[in-house]
Amino acid sequence: FGNVGETGYLDRLYVHKDYLHQGI
């Protein structure tokens, strides 16, 4: 999951530990 605010601030970007390095 990830999100961005109206100002362009990318607040969160996280990938499940078992799905890393798959382009998510």
PDB file of all heavy atoms in Angstrom:
ATOM      1  N   PHE A   1       0.840  -1.193   0.000  1.00  0.00           N
ATOM      2  CA  PHE A   1       0.000   0.000   0.000  1.00  0.00           C
ATOM      3  C   PHE A   1       0.875   1.242   0.000  1.00  0.00           C
ATOM      4  O   PHE A   1       2.042   1.201   0.376  1.00  0.00           O
ATOM      5  CB  PHE A   1      -0.968   0.018   1.191  1.00  0.00           C
ATOM      6  CG  PHE A   1      -0.342   0.307   2.527  1.00  0.00           C
ATOM      7  CD1 PHE A   1      -0.359   1.586   3.068  1.00  0.00           C
ATOM      8  CD2 PHE A   1       0.256  -0.709   3.263  1.00  0.00           C
ATOM      9  CE1 PHE A   1       0.207   1.848   4.298  1.00  0.00           C
ATOM     10  CE2 PHE A   1       0.823  -0.461   4.500  1.00  0.00           C
ATOM     11  CZ  PHE A   1       0.800   0.835   5.016  1.00  0.00           C
ATOM     12  N   GLY A   2       0.295   2.318  -0.461  1.00  0.00           N
ATOM     13  CA  GLY A   2       1.003   3.592  -0.470  1.00  0.00           C
ATOM     14  C   GLY A   2       0.019   4.718  -0.651  1.00  0.00           C
ATOM     15  O   GLY A   2      -1.103   4.499  -1.106  1.00  0.00           O
ATOM     16  N   ASN A   3       0.465   5.928  -0.271  1.00  0.00           N
ATOM     17  CA  ASN A   3      -0.418   7.067  -0.496  1.00  0.00           C
ATOM     18  C   ASN A   3       0.355   8.353  -0.741  1.00  0.00           C
ATOM     19  O   ASN A   3       1.528   8.460  -0.418  1.00  0.00           O
ATOM     20  CB  ASN A   3      -1.451   7.218   0.622  1.00  0.00           C
ATOM     21  CG  ASN A   3      -0.876   7.495   1.988  1.00  0.00           C
ATOM     22  OD1 ASN A   3       0.289   7.797   2.143  1.00  0.00           O
ATOM     23  ND2 ASN A   3      -1.706   7.386   2.992  1.00  0.00           N
ATOM     24  N   VAL A   4      -0.357   9.296  -1.353  1.00  0.00           N
ATOM     25  CA  VAL A   4       0.191  10.611  -1.644  1.00  0.00           C
ATOM     26  C   VAL A   4      -0.874  11.644  -1.306  1.00  0.00           C
ATOM     27  O   VAL A   4      -2.063  11.415  -1.511  1.00  0.00           O
ATOM     28  CB  VAL A   4       0.642  10.723  -3.123  1.00  0.00           C
ATOM     29  CG1 VAL A   4      -0.522  10.584  -4.089  1.00  0.00           C
ATOM     30  CG2 VAL A   4       1.403  12.022  -3.379  1.00  0.00           C
ATOM     31  N   GLY A   5      -0.416  12.772  -0.770  1.00  0.00           N
ATOM     32  CA  GLY A   5      -1.326  13.856  -0.427  1.00  0.00           C
ATOM     33  C   GLY A   5      -1.460  14.849  -1.565  1.00  0.00           C
ATOM     34  O   GLY A   5      -0.784  14.751  -2.592  1.00  0.00           O
ATOM     35  N   GLU A   6      -2.309  15.829  -1.357  1.00  0.00           N
ATOM     36  CA  GLU A   6      -2.595  16.844  -2.384  1.00  0.00           C
ATOM     37  C   GLU A   6      -1.378  17.718  -2.716  1.00  0.00           C
ATOM     38  O   GLU A   6      -1.348  18.358  -3.752  1.00  0.00           O
ATOM     39  CB  GLU A   6      -3.771  17.723  -1.948  1.00  0.00           C
ATOM     40  CG  GLU A   6      -5.093  16.983  -1.898  1.00  0.00           C
ATOM     41  CD  GLU A   6      -5.540  16.461  -3.262  1.00  0.00           C
ATOM     42  OE1 GLU A   6      -5.413  17.187  -4.265  1.00  0.00           O
ATOM     43  OE2 GLU A   6      -6.021  15.316  -3.324  1.00  0.00           O
ATOM     44  N   THR A   7      -0.400  17.755  -1.832  1.00  0.00           N
ATOM     45  CA  THR A   7       0.796  18.574  -2.077  1.00  0.00           C
ATOM     46  C   THR A   7       1.902  17.795  -2.783  1.00  0.00           C
ATOM     47  O   THR A   7       2.948  18.353  -3.099  1.00  0.00           O
ATOM     48  CB  THR A   7       1.358  19.120  -0.752  1.00  0.00           C
ATOM     49  OG1 THR A   7       1.779  18.013   0.056  1.00  0.00           O
ATOM     50  CG2 THR A   7       0.340  19.962  -0.017  1.00  0.00           C
ATOM     51  N   GLY A   8       1.690  16.492  -2.979  1.00  0.00           N
ATOM     52  CA  GLY A   8       2.714  15.663  -3.603  1.00  0.00           C
ATOM     53  C   GLY A   8       3.598  14.934  -2.610  1.00  0.00           C
ATOM     54  O   GLY A   8       4.611  14.357  -2.985  1.00  0.00           O
ATOM     55  N   TYR A   9       3.203  14.937  -1.342  1.00  0.00           N
ATOM     56  CA  TYR A   9       3.980  14.233  -0.325  1.00  0.00           C
ATOM     57  C   TYR A   9       3.591  12.757  -0.321  1.00  0.00           C
ATOM     58  O   TYR A   9       2.450  12.403  -0.021  1.00  0.00           O
ATOM     59  CB  TYR A   9       3.754  14.841   1.062  1.00  0.00           C
ATOM     60  CG  TYR A   9       4.585  14.189   2.138  1.00  0.00           C
ATOM     61  CD1 TYR A   9       5.966  14.368   2.162  1.00  0.00           C
ATOM     62  CD2 TYR A   9       4.002  13.389   3.111  1.00  0.00           C
ATOM     63  CE1 TYR A   9       6.738  13.761   3.137  1.00  0.00           C
ATOM     64  CE2 TYR A   9       4.768  12.781   4.096  1.00  0.00           C
ATOM     65  CZ  TYR A   9       6.136  12.973   4.101  1.00  0.00           C
ATOM     66  OH  TYR A   9       6.911  12.373   5.053  1.00  0.00           O
ATOM     67  N   LEU A  10       4.548  11.904  -0.690  1.00  0.00           N
ATOM     68  CA  LEU A  10       4.348  10.452  -0.670  1.00  0.00           C
ATOM     69  C   LEU A  10       4.553  10.033   0.788  1.00  0.00           C
ATOM     70  O   LEU A  10       5.683   9.939   1.253  1.00  0.00           O
ATOM     71  CB  LEU A  10       5.352   9.777  -1.607  1.00  0.00           C
ATOM     72  CG  LEU A  10       5.050   8.336  -2.009  1.00  0.00           C
ATOM     73  CD1 LEU A  10       5.786   7.983  -3.282  1.00  0.00           C
ATOM     74  CD2 LEU A  10       5.318   7.359  -0.926  1.00  0.00           C
ATOM     75  N   ASP A  11       3.445   9.842   1.481  1.00  0.00           N
ATOM     76  CA  ASP A  11       3.476   9.642   2.922  1.00  0.00           C
ATOM     77  C   ASP A  11       3.840   8.220   3.314  1.00  0.00           C
ATOM     78  O   ASP A  11       4.600   8.000   4.247  1.00  0.00           O
ATOM     79  CB  ASP A  11       2.109  10.021   3.517  1.00  0.00           C
ATOM     80  CG  ASP A  11       2.111  10.030   5.029  1.00  0.00           C
ATOM     81  OD1 ASP A  11       3.170  10.255   5.635  1.00  0.00           O
ATOM     82  OD2 ASP A  11       1.034   9.818   5.613  1.00  0.00           O
ATOM     83  N   ARG A  12       3.296   7.243   2.607  1.00  0.00           N
ATOM     84  CA  ARG A  12       3.548   5.842   2.966  1.00  0.00           C
ATOM     85  C   ARG A  12       3.765   5.002   1.714  1.00  0.00           C
ATOM     86  O   ARG A  12       3.091   5.195   0.705  1.00  0.00           O
ATOM     87  CB  ARG A  12       2.357   5.276   3.735  1.00  0.00           C
ATOM     88  CG  ARG A  12       2.172   5.903   5.085  1.00  0.00           C
ATOM     89  CD  ARG A  12       1.042   5.230   5.840  1.00  0.00           C
ATOM     90  NE  ARG A  12       0.917   5.808   7.160  1.00  0.00           N
ATOM     91  CZ  ARG A  12       0.062   6.774   7.463  1.00  0.00           C
ATOM     92  NH1 ARG A  12      -0.747   7.256   6.543  1.00  0.00           N
ATOM     93  NH2 ARG A  12       0.008   7.253   8.688  1.00  0.00           N
ATOM     94  N   LEU A  13       4.664   4.037   1.851  1.00  0.00           N
ATOM     95  CA  LEU A  13       4.892   3.049   0.800  1.00  0.00           C
ATOM     96  C   LEU A  13       5.467   1.812   1.481  1.00  0.00           C
ATOM     97  O   LEU A  13       6.620   1.807   1.925  1.00  0.00           O
ATOM     98  CB  LEU A  13       5.869   3.573  -0.260  1.00  0.00           C
ATOM     99  CG  LEU A  13       6.198   2.589  -1.381  1.00  0.00           C
ATOM    100  CD1 LEU A  13       4.950   2.254  -2.209  1.00  0.00           C
ATOM    101  CD2 LEU A  13       7.288   3.157  -2.274  1.00  0.00           C
ATOM    102  N   TYR A  14       4.644   0.771   1.580  1.00  0.00           N
ATOM    103  CA  TYR A  14       5.058  -0.442   2.278  1.00  0.00           C
ATOM    104  C   TYR A  14       4.594  -1.672   1.516  1.00  0.00           C
ATOM    105  O   TYR A  14       3.492  -1.702   0.968  1.00  0.00           O
ATOM    106  CB  TYR A  14       4.485  -0.479   3.708  1.00  0.00           C
ATOM    107  CG  TYR A  14       5.034   0.644   4.544  1.00  0.00           C
ATOM    108  CD1 TYR A  14       4.319   1.823   4.705  1.00  0.00           C
ATOM    109  CD2 TYR A  14       6.282   0.542   5.134  1.00  0.00           C
ATOM    110  CE1 TYR A  14       4.839   2.879   5.447  1.00  0.00           C
ATOM    111  CE2 TYR A  14       6.815   1.589   5.875  1.00  0.00           C
ATOM    112  CZ  TYR A  14       6.086   2.750   6.026  1.00  0.00           C
ATOM    113  OH  TYR A  14       6.615   3.791   6.754  1.00  0.00           O
ATOM    114  N   VAL A  15       5.459  -2.678   1.511  1.00  0.00           N
ATOM    115  CA  VAL A  15       5.171  -3.946   0.844  1.00  0.00           C
ATOM    116  C   VAL A  15       5.308  -5.057   1.883  1.00  0.00           C
ATOM    117  O   VAL A  15       6.210  -5.029   2.732  1.00  0.00           O
ATOM    118  CB  VAL A  15       6.136  -4.178  -0.342  1.00  0.00           C
ATOM    119  CG1 VAL A  15       5.954  -5.560  -0.939  1.00  0.00           C
ATOM    120  CG2 VAL A  15       5.934  -3.092  -1.397  1.00  0.00           C
ATOM    121  N   HIS A  16       4.412  -6.029   1.801  1.00  0.00           N
ATOM    122  CA  HIS A  16       4.445  -7.175   2.712  1.00  0.00           C
ATOM    123  C   HIS A  16       5.820  -7.832   2.636  1.00  0.00           C
ATOM    124  O   HIS A  16       6.390  -8.008   1.552  1.00  0.00           O
ATOM    125  CB  HIS A  16       3.356  -8.178   2.319  1.00  0.00           C
ATOM    126  CG  HIS A  16       3.152  -9.256   3.306  1.00  0.00           C
ATOM    127  ND1 HIS A  16       4.024 -10.322   3.424  1.00  0.00           N
ATOM    128  CD2 HIS A  16       2.184  -9.441   4.249  1.00  0.00           C
ATOM    129  CE1 HIS A  16       3.595 -11.121   4.379  1.00  0.00           C
ATOM    130  NE2 HIS A  16       2.483 -10.603   4.898  1.00  0.00           N
ATOM    131  N   LYS A  17       6.335  -8.211   3.783  1.00  0.00           N
ATOM    132  CA  LYS A  17       7.684  -8.776   3.867  1.00  0.00           C
ATOM    133  C   LYS A  17       7.898  -9.997   2.981  1.00  0.00           C
ATOM    134  O   LYS A  17       9.015 -10.265   2.537  1.00  0.00           O
ATOM    135  CB  LYS A  17       8.033  -9.112   5.312  1.00  0.00           C
ATOM    136  CG  LYS A  17       7.171 -10.195   5.928  1.00  0.00           C
ATOM    137  CD  LYS A  17       7.526 -10.453   7.385  1.00  0.00           C
ATOM    138  CE  LYS A  17       6.657 -11.495   8.030  1.00  0.00           C
ATOM    139  NZ  LYS A  17       6.743 -12.808   7.440  1.00  0.00           N
ATOM    140  N   ASP A  18       6.849 -10.756   2.693  1.00  0.00           N
ATOM    141  CA  ASP A  18       6.972 -11.951   1.862  1.00  0.00           C
ATOM    142  C   ASP A  18       6.845 -11.667   0.367  1.00  0.00           C
ATOM    143  O   ASP A  18       6.935 -12.581  -0.443  1.00  0.00           O
ATOM    144  CB  ASP A  18       5.920 -12.987   2.254  1.00  0.00           C
ATOM    145  CG  ASP A  18       6.095 -13.478   3.686  1.00  0.00           C
ATOM    146  OD1 ASP A  18       7.241 -13.431   4.208  1.00  0.00           O
ATOM    147  OD2 ASP A  18       5.088 -13.889   4.296  1.00  0.00           O
ATOM    148  N   TYR A  19       6.626 -10.396  -0.004  1.00  0.00           N
ATOM    149  CA  TYR A  19       6.409 -10.038  -1.406  1.00  0.00           C
ATOM    150  C   TYR A  19       7.375  -8.955  -1.884  1.00  0.00           C
ATOM    151  O   TYR A  19       7.100  -8.259  -2.860  1.00  0.00           O
ATOM    152  CB  TYR A  19       4.959  -9.574  -1.613  1.00  0.00           C
ATOM    153  CG  TYR A  19       3.966 -10.683  -1.426  1.00  0.00           C
ATOM    154  CD1 TYR A  19       3.471 -11.010  -0.165  1.00  0.00           C
ATOM    155  CD2 TYR A  19       3.539 -11.449  -2.511  1.00  0.00           C
ATOM    156  CE1 TYR A  19       2.572 -12.050   0.009  1.00  0.00           C
ATOM    157  CE2 TYR A  19       2.640 -12.486  -2.345  1.00  0.00           C
ATOM    158  CZ  TYR A  19       2.168 -12.777  -1.082  1.00  0.00           C
ATOM    159  OH  TYR A  19       1.280 -13.812  -0.921  1.00  0.00           O
ATOM    160  N   LEU A  20       8.509  -8.835  -1.205  1.00  0.00           N
ATOM    161  CA  LEU A  20       9.512  -7.853  -1.604  1.00  0.00           C
ATOM    162  C   LEU A  20      10.168  -8.249  -2.920  1.00  0.00           C
ATOM    163  O   LEU A  20      10.193  -9.426  -3.279  1.00  0.00           O
ATOM    164  CB  LEU A  20      10.572  -7.716  -0.511  1.00  0.00           C
ATOM    165  CG  LEU A  20      10.076  -7.209   0.843  1.00  0.00           C
ATOM    166  CD1 LEU A  20      11.189  -7.302   1.873  1.00  0.00           C
ATOM    167  CD2 LEU A  20       9.550  -5.790   0.742  1.00  0.00           C
ATOM    168  N   HIS A  21      10.700  -7.266  -3.622  1.00  0.00           N
ATOM    169  CA  HIS A  21      11.463  -7.472  -4.858  1.00  0.00           C
ATOM    170  C   HIS A  21      10.646  -8.141  -5.961  1.00  0.00           C
ATOM    171  O   HIS A  21      11.165  -8.915  -6.762  1.00  0.00           O
ATOM    172  CB  HIS A  21      12.753  -8.255  -4.581  1.00  0.00           C
ATOM    173  CG  HIS A  21      13.556  -7.658  -3.468  1.00  0.00           C
ATOM    174  ND1 HIS A  21      14.180  -6.441  -3.564  1.00  0.00           N
ATOM    175  CD2 HIS A  21      13.793  -8.092  -2.197  1.00  0.00           C
ATOM    176  CE1 HIS A  21      14.793  -6.153  -2.424  1.00  0.00           C
ATOM    177  NE2 HIS A  21      14.565  -7.143  -1.577  1.00  0.00           N
ATOM    178  N   GLN A  22       9.357  -7.823  -5.991  1.00  0.00           N
ATOM    179  CA  GLN A  22       8.473  -8.333  -7.051  1.00  0.00           C
ATOM    180  C   GLN A  22       7.858  -7.192  -7.859  1.00  0.00           C
ATOM    181  O   GLN A  22       6.913  -7.405  -8.612  1.00  0.00           O
ATOM    182  CB  GLN A  22       7.376  -9.214  -6.445  1.00  0.00           C
ATOM    183  CG  GLN A  22       7.913 -10.460  -5.785  1.00  0.00           C
ATOM    184  CD  GLN A  22       6.812 -11.349  -5.218  1.00  0.00           C
ATOM    185  OE1 GLN A  22       5.674 -11.331  -5.676  1.00  0.00           O
ATOM    186  NE2 GLN A  22       7.155 -12.138  -4.220  1.00  0.00           N
ATOM    187  N   GLY A  23       8.372  -5.969  -7.668  1.00  0.00           N
ATOM    188  CA  GLY A  23       7.887  -4.828  -8.431  1.00  0.00           C
ATOM    189  C   GLY A  23       6.673  -4.136  -7.837  1.00  0.00           C
ATOM    190  O   GLY A  23       6.127  -3.211  -8.449  1.00  0.00           O
ATOM    191  N   ILE A  24       6.246  -4.539  -6.655  1.00  0.00           N
ATOM    192  CA  ILE A  24       5.033  -3.972  -6.054  1.00  0.00           C
ATOM    193  C   ILE A  24       5.255  -2.514  -5.648  1.00  0.00           C
ATOM    194  O   ILE A  24       4.416  -1.651  -5.939  1.00  0.00           O
ATOM    195  CB  ILE A  24       4.559  -4.826  -4.874  1.00  0.00           C
ATOM    196  CG1 ILE A  24       4.153  -6.216  -5.378  1.00  0.00           C
ATOM    197  CG2 ILE A  24       3.405  -4.154  -4.130  1.00  0.00           C
ATOM    198  CD1 ILE A  24       3.950  -7.252  -4.301  1.00  0.00           C
TER     199      ILE A  24
END
